[in-house]
Amino acid sequence: MKIISSKQVYDCGLFRVTEDEAVDKKTGFKIKRCVVRHIGSAVMMAVDDKKRVLLVRQYRLPAGKELWELPAGRLDAGEKPLQAAKRELKEETGYGAKKWTKLASYYASPGFVEERMTIFLAEDLTAGEATPMDDERIETRWFKRKELAKMIEDGEIEDGKTLIGFLTWRARK
């Protein structure tokens, strides 16, 4: 498929929306879609020496409620996912990590969103002071592996990046 037209219809700074049309040059098949253009996000799964997982809880306007989830943040222009992960973990939780391992990289919702999320396992942690953004109200809490697995089983964890991160990490152990 080749993009034959793209027109920006919205830009809010966090993301932009384009109306795109693509064609398969061999068959002539065309598709037209609105696409949410997002630079990408880094997700951090901080695990301490007791194998507890650090989650954050914050109000998510699209969900209409507070969610427990892995901390995450948007990449800055020119920033690589690992750089963003290190910066965001410190900002949102105060923690730094000496050991970083990539767990997964995926498209959040490829039917209409360009965003690629990269999940990193952060280990060998050091505590510090969080410096969240002005529009963030973040609560942090450590969860035992079994407790988090039960929350997932019971449908209490509804965030995709947290499900993918935890299940990928658990499968590797």
Protein backbone atom coordinates (compact mmCIF):
# COMPACT_ATOMS: atom_id res chain seq x y z
CA MET A 1 0.00 0.00 0.00
CA LYS A 2 1.18 3.52 -0.77
CA ILE A 3 -0.19 6.72 0.77
CA ILE A 4 -1.52 8.86 -2.08
CA SER A 5 -2.98 11.69 0.01
CA SER A 6 -2.72 12.91 3.59
CA LYS A 7 -4.38 15.98 5.07
CA GLN A 8 -3.99 17.12 8.68
CA VAL A 9 -7.39 17.88 10.22
CA TYR A 10 -6.47 18.37 13.88
CA ASP A 11 -3.46 19.08 16.11
CA CYS A 12 -3.56 19.44 19.90
CA GLY A 13 0.16 19.14 20.63
CA LEU A 14 -0.16 15.69 22.20
CA PHE A 15 -1.23 14.13 18.90
CA ARG A 16 -2.57 15.12 15.50
CA VAL A 17 -5.16 13.59 13.21
CA THR A 18 -4.78 13.10 9.47
CA GLU A 19 -7.18 11.93 6.78
CA ASP A 20 -5.18 9.50 4.66
CA GLU A 21 -5.85 7.59 1.48
CA ALA A 22 -3.74 4.64 0.35
CA VAL A 23 -3.76 2.50 -2.75
CA ASP A 24 -2.40 -0.91 -3.62
CA LYS A 25 -0.64 -0.19 -6.93
CA LYS A 26 -0.97 -3.82 -8.09
CA THR A 27 -4.72 -4.22 -7.54
CA GLY A 28 -5.99 -0.63 -7.34
CA PHE A 29 -7.61 -1.35 -3.95
CA LYS A 30 -8.00 1.90 -1.98
CA ILE A 31 -8.58 2.63 1.69
CA LYS A 32 -9.34 5.93 3.37
CA ARG A 33 -8.95 6.43 7.11
CA CYS A 34 -8.54 9.07 9.77
CA VAL A 35 -5.34 8.32 11.68
CA VAL A 36 -4.34 9.56 15.12
CA ARG A 37 -0.64 10.41 14.78
CA HIS A 38 1.27 9.97 18.05
CA ILE A 39 5.06 10.00 18.50
CA GLY A 40 4.99 6.90 20.74
CA SER A 41 5.22 6.00 24.41
CA ALA A 42 7.54 4.27 26.82
CA VAL A 43 6.14 2.00 29.53
CA MET A 44 8.06 1.05 32.65
CA MET A 45 7.55 -2.14 34.64
CA ALA A 46 9.54 -1.52 37.80
CA VAL A 47 10.15 -4.74 39.73
CA ASP A 48 11.93 -4.71 43.09
CA ASP A 49 14.16 -7.37 44.65
CA LYS A 50 11.06 -9.01 46.23
CA LYS A 51 9.51 -9.37 42.72
CA ARG A 52 6.83 -6.78 43.51
CA VAL A 53 5.56 -4.62 40.65
CA LEU A 54 5.14 -0.84 40.99
CA LEU A 55 1.86 0.49 39.62
CA VAL A 56 0.49 4.00 39.49
CA ARG A 57 -3.13 5.04 39.88
CA GLN A 58 -4.47 8.11 38.21
CA TYR A 59 -7.73 9.38 36.80
CA ARG A 60 -8.09 8.61 33.11
CA LEU A 61 -10.60 10.92 31.46
CA PRO A 62 -11.43 8.63 28.48
CA ALA A 63 -12.08 5.70 30.87
CA GLY A 64 -14.01 7.94 33.26
CA LYS A 65 -12.28 6.52 36.32
CA GLU A 66 -9.02 5.91 38.14
CA LEU A 67 -6.97 2.98 36.85
CA TRP A 68 -4.07 1.02 38.30
CA GLU A 69 -1.48 0.74 35.54
CA LEU A 70 2.20 0.57 34.71
CA PRO A 71 3.72 4.05 34.56
CA ALA A 72 4.18 5.38 31.04
CA GLY A 73 4.82 8.53 29.13
CA ARG A 74 5.05 10.06 25.71
CA LEU A 75 8.37 10.25 23.91
CA ASP A 76 9.77 13.72 23.43
CA ALA A 77 10.87 14.76 19.92
CA GLY A 78 14.08 12.92 18.98
CA GLU A 79 13.95 10.75 22.10
CA LYS A 80 14.40 6.98 21.96
CA PRO A 81 11.97 4.78 23.94
CA LEU A 82 14.59 3.76 26.53
CA GLN A 83 15.56 7.39 27.14
CA ALA A 84 11.89 8.26 27.68
CA ALA A 85 11.42 5.26 29.99
CA LYS A 86 14.27 6.37 32.25
CA ARG A 87 12.99 9.95 32.33
CA GLU A 88 9.34 9.02 32.87
CA LEU A 89 10.01 6.47 35.63
CA LYS A 90 11.90 9.13 37.58
CA GLU A 91 9.27 11.82 36.95
CA GLU A 92 6.21 9.71 37.80
CA THR A 93 7.55 7.54 40.63
CA GLY A 94 10.90 8.96 41.76
CA TYR A 95 12.62 5.63 41.02
CA GLY A 96 15.67 5.08 38.89
CA ALA A 97 16.89 1.69 37.65
CA LYS A 98 20.33 0.30 36.88
CA LYS A 99 19.05 -2.60 34.75
CA TRP A 100 16.70 -2.16 31.78
CA THR A 101 15.31 -4.95 29.56
CA LYS A 102 12.91 -4.51 26.66
CA LEU A 103 9.82 -6.70 27.18
CA ALA A 104 7.62 -5.79 24.20
CA SER A 105 6.86 -3.20 21.57
CA TYR A 106 3.41 -2.98 20.02
CA TYR A 107 0.82 -0.70 18.40
CA ALA A 108 -1.78 0.39 20.94
CA SER A 109 -4.70 0.26 18.48
CA PRO A 110 -3.46 -0.05 14.88
CA GLY A 111 -6.89 0.36 13.30
CA PHE A 112 -6.70 4.13 13.76
CA VAL A 113 -3.80 5.05 16.10
CA GLU A 114 -0.16 5.25 14.99
CA GLU A 115 1.19 5.08 18.57
CA ARG A 116 3.81 2.40 19.26
CA MET A 117 4.30 1.55 22.94
CA THR A 118 7.55 -0.01 24.16
CA ILE A 119 7.55 -1.75 27.53
CA PHE A 120 10.75 -1.99 29.57
CA LEU A 121 11.47 -4.04 32.67
CA ALA A 122 13.26 -1.80 35.18
CA GLU A 123 15.27 -3.57 37.92
CA ASP A 124 17.94 -2.80 40.50
CA LEU A 125 15.95 0.22 41.64
CA THR A 126 16.91 3.29 43.64
CA ALA A 127 14.28 5.48 45.29
CA GLY A 128 14.04 9.20 44.80
CA GLU A 129 11.49 11.99 44.64
CA ALA A 130 8.81 12.04 41.96
CA THR A 131 8.26 15.19 39.90
CA PRO A 132 4.96 14.62 38.07
CA MET A 133 3.63 17.12 35.54
CA ASP A 134 1.18 19.78 36.73
CA ASP A 135 -1.81 17.91 35.28
CA GLU A 136 -0.90 14.57 36.91
CA ARG A 137 -2.12 13.32 40.29
CA ILE A 138 -0.35 10.01 40.74
CA GLU A 139 -0.59 7.46 43.53
CA THR A 140 2.00 4.66 43.58
CA ARG A 141 1.82 1.22 45.19
CA TRP A 142 3.78 -2.03 45.09
CA PHE A 143 1.85 -5.18 44.18
CA LYS A 144 2.93 -8.76 44.79
CA ARG A 145 3.03 -10.89 41.66
CA LYS A 146 0.14 -13.10 42.87
CA GLU A 147 -1.94 -10.06 43.84
CA LEU A 148 -1.49 -8.48 40.43
CA ALA A 149 -2.30 -11.78 38.67
CA LYS A 150 -5.54 -12.01 40.68
CA MET A 151 -6.45 -8.41 39.83
CA ILE A 152 -6.01 -9.26 36.15
CA GLU A 153 -8.05 -12.45 36.51
CA ASP A 154 -10.82 -10.50 38.29
CA GLY A 155 -10.92 -7.77 35.62
CA GLU A 156 -9.62 -5.08 37.97
CA ILE A 157 -6.72 -4.24 35.64
CA GLU A 158 -8.23 -2.78 32.48
CA ASP A 159 -5.19 -1.08 30.99
CA GLY A 160 -3.71 -2.79 27.93
CA LYS A 161 -0.06 -1.87 28.51
CA THR A 162 -0.26 -3.28 32.05
CA LEU A 163 -1.81 -6.52 30.84
CA ILE A 164 0.79 -6.93 28.09
CA GLY A 165 3.70 -5.98 30.34
CA PHE A 166 2.75 -8.26 33.23
CA LEU A 167 1.83 -11.25 31.08
CA THR A 168 5.01 -10.95 29.00
CA TRP A 169 7.15 -10.65 32.15
CA ARG A 170 5.39 -13.59 33.83
CA ALA A 171 5.84 -15.78 30.74
CA ARG A 172 9.61 -15.20 30.85
CA LYS A 173 10.01 -16.33 34.47
